[in-house]
Structure formats: C-alpha cells, structure tokens
Amino acid sequence: MEWLNKLLPTKRNKKDKTNQSSQKALLIFENTSEVIQAERILQKQGYKVKVVGPPPEVRKGCDLAIEVPVVEIPGIINLLKTQKVEPLDFVSFSEEEILKPVDLFHVKDFGEYLMVRAANMKITVDKRILTIVNVSGGGCPDVPYLASILVGLNLKHSFPPKEKGHTLCGYALHLAYEKAKELLCSE
C-alpha cells in the first residue's frame, strides 16, 4: 500500500494546478529483462506505455524505465504483481516539472541516409529505397548476428530485431528499428 500514498494529494499537489490526467509516472525496475517483460505485459493488456531512460536522480537498478499515466498506476501495479514483475518503485511527475525521463532516441539525417540511435545501438537506413545499410553499437554477443541478417533488408519487410535478439543491445536495436520505421514508413 506504500504506492497508494504516493498518489494521495500532498500540500504541494493541492497547490499544483496540474490535474492528475496530465501527470506521468516512471516505473523503476531492477534490470532490463524486467522492463522488457513489463512492457510486453502492459502492451498486451492495452496500456499505452513508453520505455525511457530514467533521470539519474531516480535511477536505482536499470538504465531503462517505463513511462505511464499516473492515473493508471493502481491497475498497472496490480497487473504486474499478478505476473510477478513488480517495479522497485515509481516516481510521478507532471509535464511541467524538471524531473523528466531522458529520451533514448537520437536521430541524425545525413541527406540520403537516416541514422537512429536508441541507447547504445544505431541503425542507418537509405531513405530513398528504405534499405538498412548499417547496424552498429553495443557490445553484446548478438549484435554481429543481428547486423549480418538486417543489413541489406528493406525496412518495411524486415523482421523486428527483438524476435532474434536476446540482450539489452538487441532490445535497444529493436527500439531504434521501430523509431526508424515510424519516421520513414508512416505513409
């Protein structure tokens, strides 16, 4: 019930004109596999979630966190408990507060090519023909394998890296891949 106390109004929240529906919360986990598992569970149940980098001041175990609407915390916590994937903590914030998650993505346009970086992984795509021309970054053992099968494939018709990757690097590459598809294949 400790999590419920975080949702109850405090003096600061009573003065705050921000309503709860615009507030966000970061679910903080011990490790990356818990973040990936929680994301999958929540998305399967229809929750709108976003994997982000937590600000250094709230980071506890993992370099990833899940951003959710604060009003959905009770349902989310209960669901995750039933699935035995409990966050270490959660931190609420409003859009106006300084405490904001770190964006995992960096996009660089090189004219004919677009490079998307998520955490430590990068994917580069030829914008004209949507061919993946490079995969780089990370130090995980599945990166060379993923690069060898992704480079040369069309972004629209390739497989999601999380289908064949099993590490933090593979997951980060999947995030970069999804962002590249969002930016280039949104017709």
C-alpha atoms as a PDB file:
ATOM      1  CA  MET A   1       0.000   0.000   0.000  1.00  0.00           C
ATOM      2  CA  GLU A   2       3.045   2.267   0.085  1.00  0.00           C
ATOM      3  CA  TRP A   3       2.465   3.025  -3.604  1.00  0.00           C
ATOM      4  CA  LEU A   4      -1.024   4.335  -2.790  1.00  0.00           C
ATOM      5  CA  ASN A   5       0.459   7.034  -0.522  1.00  0.00           C
ATOM      6  CA  LYS A   6       2.376   8.391  -3.490  1.00  0.00           C
ATOM      7  CA  LEU A   7      -0.877   9.002  -5.338  1.00  0.00           C
ATOM      8  CA  LEU A   8      -2.676  10.769  -2.481  1.00  0.00           C
ATOM      9  CA  PRO A   9      -2.561  14.562  -2.672  1.00  0.00           C
ATOM     10  CA  THR A  10       0.133  16.308  -0.659  1.00  0.00           C
ATOM     11  CA  LYS A  11       0.231  20.004   0.207  1.00  0.00           C
ATOM     12  CA  ARG A  12       2.373  20.575  -2.872  1.00  0.00           C
ATOM     13  CA  ASN A  13      -0.082  18.680  -5.073  1.00  0.00           C
ATOM     14  CA  LYS A  14      -3.098  20.595  -3.700  1.00  0.00           C
ATOM     15  CA  LYS A  15      -1.499  23.891  -4.725  1.00  0.00           C
ATOM     16  CA  ASP A  16      -0.417  22.459  -8.047  1.00  0.00           C
ATOM     17  CA  LYS A  17      -2.914  23.324 -10.768  1.00  0.00           C
ATOM     18  CA  THR A  18      -1.796  20.388 -12.913  1.00  0.00           C
ATOM     19  CA  ASN A  19      -4.526  17.785 -12.988  1.00  0.00           C
ATOM     20  CA  GLN A  20      -3.670  14.149 -12.480  1.00  0.00           C
ATOM     21  CA  SER A  21      -4.580  13.139 -16.009  1.00  0.00           C
ATOM     22  CA  SER A  22      -1.598  15.051 -17.413  1.00  0.00           C
ATOM     23  CA  GLN A  23       0.796  13.589 -14.873  1.00  0.00           C
ATOM     24  CA  LYS A  24       3.108  10.774 -15.786  1.00  0.00           C
ATOM     25  CA  ALA A  25       4.880   8.178 -13.707  1.00  0.00           C
ATOM     26  CA  LEU A  26       8.080   6.258 -14.231  1.00  0.00           C
ATOM     27  CA  LEU A  27       8.106   2.623 -13.217  1.00  0.00           C
ATOM     28  CA  ILE A  28      11.611   1.822 -11.978  1.00  0.00           C
ATOM     29  CA  PHE A  29      12.859  -1.764 -12.300  1.00  0.00           C
ATOM     30  CA  GLU A  30      15.900  -3.649 -11.113  1.00  0.00           C
ATOM     31  CA  ASN A  31      17.006  -4.938 -14.507  1.00  0.00           C
ATOM     32  CA  THR A  32      16.379  -4.672 -18.231  1.00  0.00           C
ATOM     33  CA  SER A  33      14.682  -8.040 -18.595  1.00  0.00           C
ATOM     34  CA  GLU A  34      12.008  -6.906 -16.107  1.00  0.00           C
ATOM     35  CA  VAL A  35      11.436  -3.722 -18.150  1.00  0.00           C
ATOM     36  CA  ILE A  36      11.050  -5.749 -21.350  1.00  0.00           C
ATOM     37  CA  GLN A  37       8.728  -8.236 -19.654  1.00  0.00           C
ATOM     38  CA  ALA A  38       6.612  -5.481 -18.052  1.00  0.00           C
ATOM     39  CA  GLU A  39       6.377  -3.586 -21.348  1.00  0.00           C
ATOM     40  CA  ARG A  40       5.145  -6.727 -23.115  1.00  0.00           C
ATOM     41  CA  ILE A  41       2.558  -7.477 -20.375  1.00  0.00           C
ATOM     42  CA  LEU A  42       1.243  -3.908 -20.291  1.00  0.00           C
ATOM     43  CA  GLN A  43       1.015  -3.530 -24.072  1.00  0.00           C
ATOM     44  CA  LYS A  44      -0.784  -6.865 -24.333  1.00  0.00           C
ATOM     45  CA  GLN A  45      -3.393  -5.519 -21.900  1.00  0.00           C
ATOM     46  CA  GLY A  46      -3.827  -2.318 -23.928  1.00  0.00           C
ATOM     47  CA  TYR A  47      -1.860   0.120 -21.764  1.00  0.00           C
ATOM     48  CA  LYS A  48      -0.084   2.962 -23.566  1.00  0.00           C
ATOM     49  CA  VAL A  49       3.483   2.726 -22.308  1.00  0.00           C
ATOM     50  CA  LYS A  50       6.813   4.160 -23.366  1.00  0.00           C
ATOM     51  CA  VAL A  51      10.269   2.837 -22.499  1.00  0.00           C
ATOM     52  CA  VAL A  52      12.545   5.707 -21.481  1.00  0.00           C
ATOM     53  CA  GLY A  53      15.788   6.368 -19.683  1.00  0.00           C
ATOM     54  CA  PRO A  54      15.109   7.437 -16.097  1.00  0.00           C
ATOM     55  CA  PRO A  55      16.718  10.672 -14.908  1.00  0.00           C
ATOM     56  CA  PRO A  56      19.902   9.966 -12.920  1.00  0.00           C
ATOM     57  CA  GLU A  57      18.329  11.170  -9.672  1.00  0.00           C
ATOM     58  CA  VAL A  58      15.727   8.365  -9.676  1.00  0.00           C
ATOM     59  CA  ARG A  59      17.746   5.574 -11.310  1.00  0.00           C
ATOM     60  CA  LYS A  60      18.009   2.590  -8.985  1.00  0.00           C
ATOM     61  CA  GLY A  61      18.823  -0.576 -10.844  1.00  0.00           C
ATOM     62  CA  CYS A  62      18.258  -0.411 -14.561  1.00  0.00           C
ATOM     63  CA  ASP A  63      19.077   2.197 -17.194  1.00  0.00           C
ATOM     64  CA  LEU A  64      15.535   1.868 -18.563  1.00  0.00           C
ATOM     65  CA  ALA A  65      12.139   2.714 -17.075  1.00  0.00           C
ATOM     66  CA  ILE A  66       8.545   2.645 -18.264  1.00  0.00           C
ATOM     67  CA  GLU A  67       6.557   5.881 -18.542  1.00  0.00           C
ATOM     68  CA  VAL A  68       2.819   5.559 -17.886  1.00  0.00           C
ATOM     69  CA  PRO A  69      -0.057   7.895 -16.997  1.00  0.00           C
ATOM     70  CA  VAL A  70      -0.119   8.289 -13.206  1.00  0.00           C
ATOM     71  CA  VAL A  71      -3.880   7.649 -13.058  1.00  0.00           C
ATOM     72  CA  GLU A  72      -3.277   4.112 -14.327  1.00  0.00           C
ATOM     73  CA  ILE A  73      -0.728   3.198 -11.633  1.00  0.00           C
ATOM     74  CA  PRO A  74      -3.101   1.180  -9.396  1.00  0.00           C
ATOM     75  CA  GLY A  75      -4.214  -1.077 -12.258  1.00  0.00           C
ATOM     76  CA  ILE A  76      -0.712  -1.383 -13.645  1.00  0.00           C
ATOM     77  CA  ILE A  77       0.837  -2.277 -10.269  1.00  0.00           C
ATOM     78  CA  ASN A  78      -1.856  -4.897  -9.633  1.00  0.00           C
ATOM     79  CA  LEU A  79      -1.448  -6.413 -13.098  1.00  0.00           C
ATOM     80  CA  LEU A  80       2.335  -6.591 -12.787  1.00  0.00           C
ATOM     81  CA  LYS A  81       2.052  -8.160  -9.317  1.00  0.00           C
ATOM     82  CA  THR A  82      -0.138 -10.931 -10.707  1.00  0.00           C
ATOM     83  CA  GLN A  83       2.535 -11.555 -13.341  1.00  0.00           C
ATOM     84  CA  LYS A  84       5.315 -11.447 -10.703  1.00  0.00           C
ATOM     85  CA  VAL A  85       7.071  -8.494 -12.364  1.00  0.00           C
ATOM     86  CA  GLU A  86       6.977  -5.785  -9.721  1.00  0.00           C
ATOM     87  CA  PRO A  87       8.772  -2.477 -10.151  1.00  0.00           C
ATOM     88  CA  LEU A  88      11.207  -1.387  -7.438  1.00  0.00           C
ATOM     89  CA  ASP A  89       9.445   1.954  -7.265  1.00  0.00           C
ATOM     90  CA  PHE A  90       7.583   4.554  -9.258  1.00  0.00           C
ATOM     91  CA  VAL A  91       8.021   8.287  -9.432  1.00  0.00           C
ATOM     92  CA  SER A  92       5.280  10.637 -10.592  1.00  0.00           C
ATOM     93  CA  PHE A  93       5.892  13.940 -12.373  1.00  0.00           C
ATOM     94  CA  SER A  94       3.950  16.422 -14.443  1.00  0.00           C
ATOM     95  CA  GLU A  95       4.861  17.580 -17.929  1.00  0.00           C
ATOM     96  CA  GLU A  96       5.984  20.927 -16.475  1.00  0.00           C
ATOM     97  CA  GLU A  97       8.384  19.501 -13.895  1.00  0.00           C
ATOM     98  CA  ILE A  98      12.113  19.387 -14.382  1.00  0.00           C
ATOM     99  CA  LEU A  99      12.210  15.684 -13.472  1.00  0.00           C
ATOM    100  CA  LYS A 100      11.663  14.224 -16.904  1.00  0.00           C
ATOM    101  CA  PRO A 101      12.820  10.978 -18.416  1.00  0.00           C
ATOM    102  CA  VAL A 102      15.799  11.008 -20.728  1.00  0.00           C
ATOM    103  CA  ASP A 103      14.872  10.406 -24.359  1.00  0.00           C
ATOM    104  CA  LEU A 104      16.507   7.217 -25.583  1.00  0.00           C
ATOM    105  CA  PHE A 105      16.493   8.331 -29.207  1.00  0.00           C
ATOM    106  CA  HIS A 106      18.812  10.462 -31.261  1.00  0.00           C
ATOM    107  CA  VAL A 107      18.035  10.930 -34.955  1.00  0.00           C
ATOM    108  CA  LYS A 108      20.631  12.183 -37.440  1.00  0.00           C
ATOM    109  CA  ASP A 109      19.730  12.947 -41.045  1.00  0.00           C
ATOM    110  CA  PHE A 110      22.660  12.555 -43.457  1.00  0.00           C
ATOM    111  CA  GLY A 111      20.710  13.535 -46.585  1.00  0.00           C
ATOM    112  CA  GLU A 112      20.311  10.174 -48.330  1.00  0.00           C
ATOM    113  CA  TYR A 113      20.607   8.275 -45.047  1.00  0.00           C
ATOM    114  CA  LEU A 114      18.865   8.432 -41.695  1.00  0.00           C
ATOM    115  CA  MET A 115      20.571   7.125 -38.567  1.00  0.00           C
ATOM    116  CA  VAL A 116      18.521   6.382 -35.463  1.00  0.00           C
ATOM    117  CA  ARG A 117      20.247   5.697 -32.173  1.00  0.00           C
ATOM    118  CA  ALA A 118      18.428   4.141 -29.214  1.00  0.00           C
ATOM    119  CA  ALA A 119      20.588   3.942 -26.101  1.00  0.00           C
ATOM    120  CA  ASN A 120      23.859   2.499 -27.446  1.00  0.00           C
ATOM    121  CA  MET A 121      22.576   0.946 -30.690  1.00  0.00           C
ATOM    122  CA  LYS A 122      22.332   2.567 -34.121  1.00  0.00           C
ATOM    123  CA  ILE A 123      20.548   1.626 -37.312  1.00  0.00           C
ATOM    124  CA  THR A 124      21.131   3.513 -40.573  1.00  0.00           C
ATOM    125  CA  VAL A 125      18.686   3.394 -43.468  1.00  0.00           C
ATOM    126  CA  ASP A 126      18.889   4.586 -47.074  1.00  0.00           C
ATOM    127  CA  LYS A 127      15.870   6.919 -47.147  1.00  0.00           C
ATOM    128  CA  ARG A 128      15.246   6.556 -50.894  1.00  0.00           C
ATOM    129  CA  ILE A 129      14.870   2.767 -51.019  1.00  0.00           C
ATOM    130  CA  LEU A 130      14.393   2.030 -47.275  1.00  0.00           C
ATOM    131  CA  THR A 131      17.305  -0.401 -47.169  1.00  0.00           C
ATOM    132  CA  ILE A 132      19.094  -0.950 -43.872  1.00  0.00           C
ATOM    133  CA  VAL A 133      22.727  -0.108 -44.654  1.00  0.00           C
ATOM    134  CA  ASN A 134      24.353  -0.324 -41.209  1.00  0.00           C
ATOM    135  CA  VAL A 135      23.815  -1.608 -37.680  1.00  0.00           C
ATOM    136  CA  SER A 136      26.339  -0.664 -35.024  1.00  0.00           C
ATOM    137  CA  GLY A 137      26.962  -0.118 -31.349  1.00  0.00           C
ATOM    138  CA  GLY A 138      26.735  -2.140 -28.194  1.00  0.00           C
ATOM    139  CA  GLY A 139      28.985  -4.892 -27.038  1.00  0.00           C
ATOM    140  CA  CYS A 140      26.522  -7.728 -26.697  1.00  0.00           C
ATOM    141  CA  PRO A 141      27.156 -11.072 -28.395  1.00  0.00           C
ATOM    142  CA  ASP A 142      24.050 -10.926 -30.594  1.00  0.00           C
ATOM    143  CA  VAL A 143      24.921  -7.606 -32.292  1.00  0.00           C
ATOM    144  CA  PRO A 144      27.127  -9.054 -35.086  1.00  0.00           C
ATOM    145  CA  TYR A 145      24.483 -11.697 -35.799  1.00  0.00           C
ATOM    146  CA  LEU A 146      21.663  -9.143 -35.909  1.00  0.00           C
ATOM    147  CA  ALA A 147      23.739  -6.844 -38.125  1.00  0.00           C
ATOM    148  CA  SER A 148      24.566  -9.676 -40.533  1.00  0.00           C
ATOM    149  CA  ILE A 149      20.911 -10.528 -41.107  1.00  0.00           C
ATOM    150  CA  LEU A 150      19.442  -6.993 -41.064  1.00  0.00           C
ATOM    151  CA  VAL A 151      21.877  -5.126 -43.330  1.00  0.00           C
ATOM    152  CA  GLY A 152      20.566  -5.205 -46.877  1.00  0.00           C
ATOM    153  CA  LEU A 153      16.930  -5.801 -45.917  1.00  0.00           C
ATOM    154  CA  ASN A 154      14.131  -3.361 -46.676  1.00  0.00           C
ATOM    155  CA  LEU A 155      12.908  -1.635 -43.521  1.00  0.00           C
ATOM    156  CA  LYS A 156       9.268  -2.327 -44.427  1.00  0.00           C
ATOM    157  CA  HIS A 157       9.810  -6.040 -44.963  1.00  0.00           C
ATOM    158  CA  SER A 158      12.436  -6.976 -42.374  1.00  0.00           C
ATOM    159  CA  PHE A 159      11.846  -8.681 -39.035  1.00  0.00           C
ATOM    160  CA  PRO A 160      11.732  -6.861 -35.676  1.00  0.00           C
ATOM    161  CA  PRO A 161      15.157  -7.309 -34.008  1.00  0.00           C
ATOM    162  CA  LYS A 162      13.586  -8.386 -30.720  1.00  0.00           C
ATOM    163  CA  GLU A 163      12.459 -11.580 -32.467  1.00  0.00           C
ATOM    164  CA  LYS A 164      16.076 -12.740 -32.796  1.00  0.00           C
ATOM    165  CA  GLY A 165      17.980 -10.584 -30.273  1.00  0.00           C
ATOM    166  CA  HIS A 166      18.106 -11.586 -26.628  1.00  0.00           C
ATOM    167  CA  THR A 167      20.192  -8.908 -24.920  1.00  0.00           C
ATOM    168  CA  LEU A 168      19.927  -5.267 -23.901  1.00  0.00           C
ATOM    169  CA  CYS A 169      21.679  -4.360 -27.165  1.00  0.00           C
ATOM    170  CA  GLY A 170      19.157  -6.397 -29.155  1.00  0.00           C
ATOM    171  CA  TYR A 171      16.317  -4.642 -27.355  1.00  0.00           C
ATOM    172  CA  ALA A 172      17.863  -1.192 -27.917  1.00  0.00           C
ATOM    173  CA  LEU A 173      18.324  -2.059 -31.600  1.00  0.00           C
ATOM    174  CA  HIS A 174      14.657  -3.030 -31.743  1.00  0.00           C
ATOM    175  CA  LEU A 175      13.701   0.384 -30.329  1.00  0.00           C
ATOM    176  CA  ALA A 176      15.883   2.136 -32.949  1.00  0.00           C
ATOM    177  CA  TYR A 177      14.359  -0.058 -35.680  1.00  0.00           C
ATOM    178  CA  GLU A 178      10.804   0.811 -34.577  1.00  0.00           C
ATOM    179  CA  LYS A 179      11.640   4.533 -34.467  1.00  0.00           C
ATOM    180  CA  ALA A 180      13.168   4.357 -37.968  1.00  0.00           C
ATOM    181  CA  LYS A 181      10.018   2.641 -39.247  1.00  0.00           C
ATOM    182  CA  GLU A 182       7.861   5.280 -37.584  1.00  0.00           C
ATOM    183  CA  LEU A 183       9.871   8.073 -39.231  1.00  0.00           C
ATOM    184  CA  LEU A 184      10.282   6.548 -42.689  1.00  0.00           C
ATOM    185  CA  CYS A 185       7.354   4.195 -43.240  1.00  0.00           C
ATOM    186  CA  SER A 186       4.443   6.231 -41.934  1.00  0.00           C
ATOM    187  CA  GLU A 187       2.610   6.557 -45.253  1.00  0.00           C
END
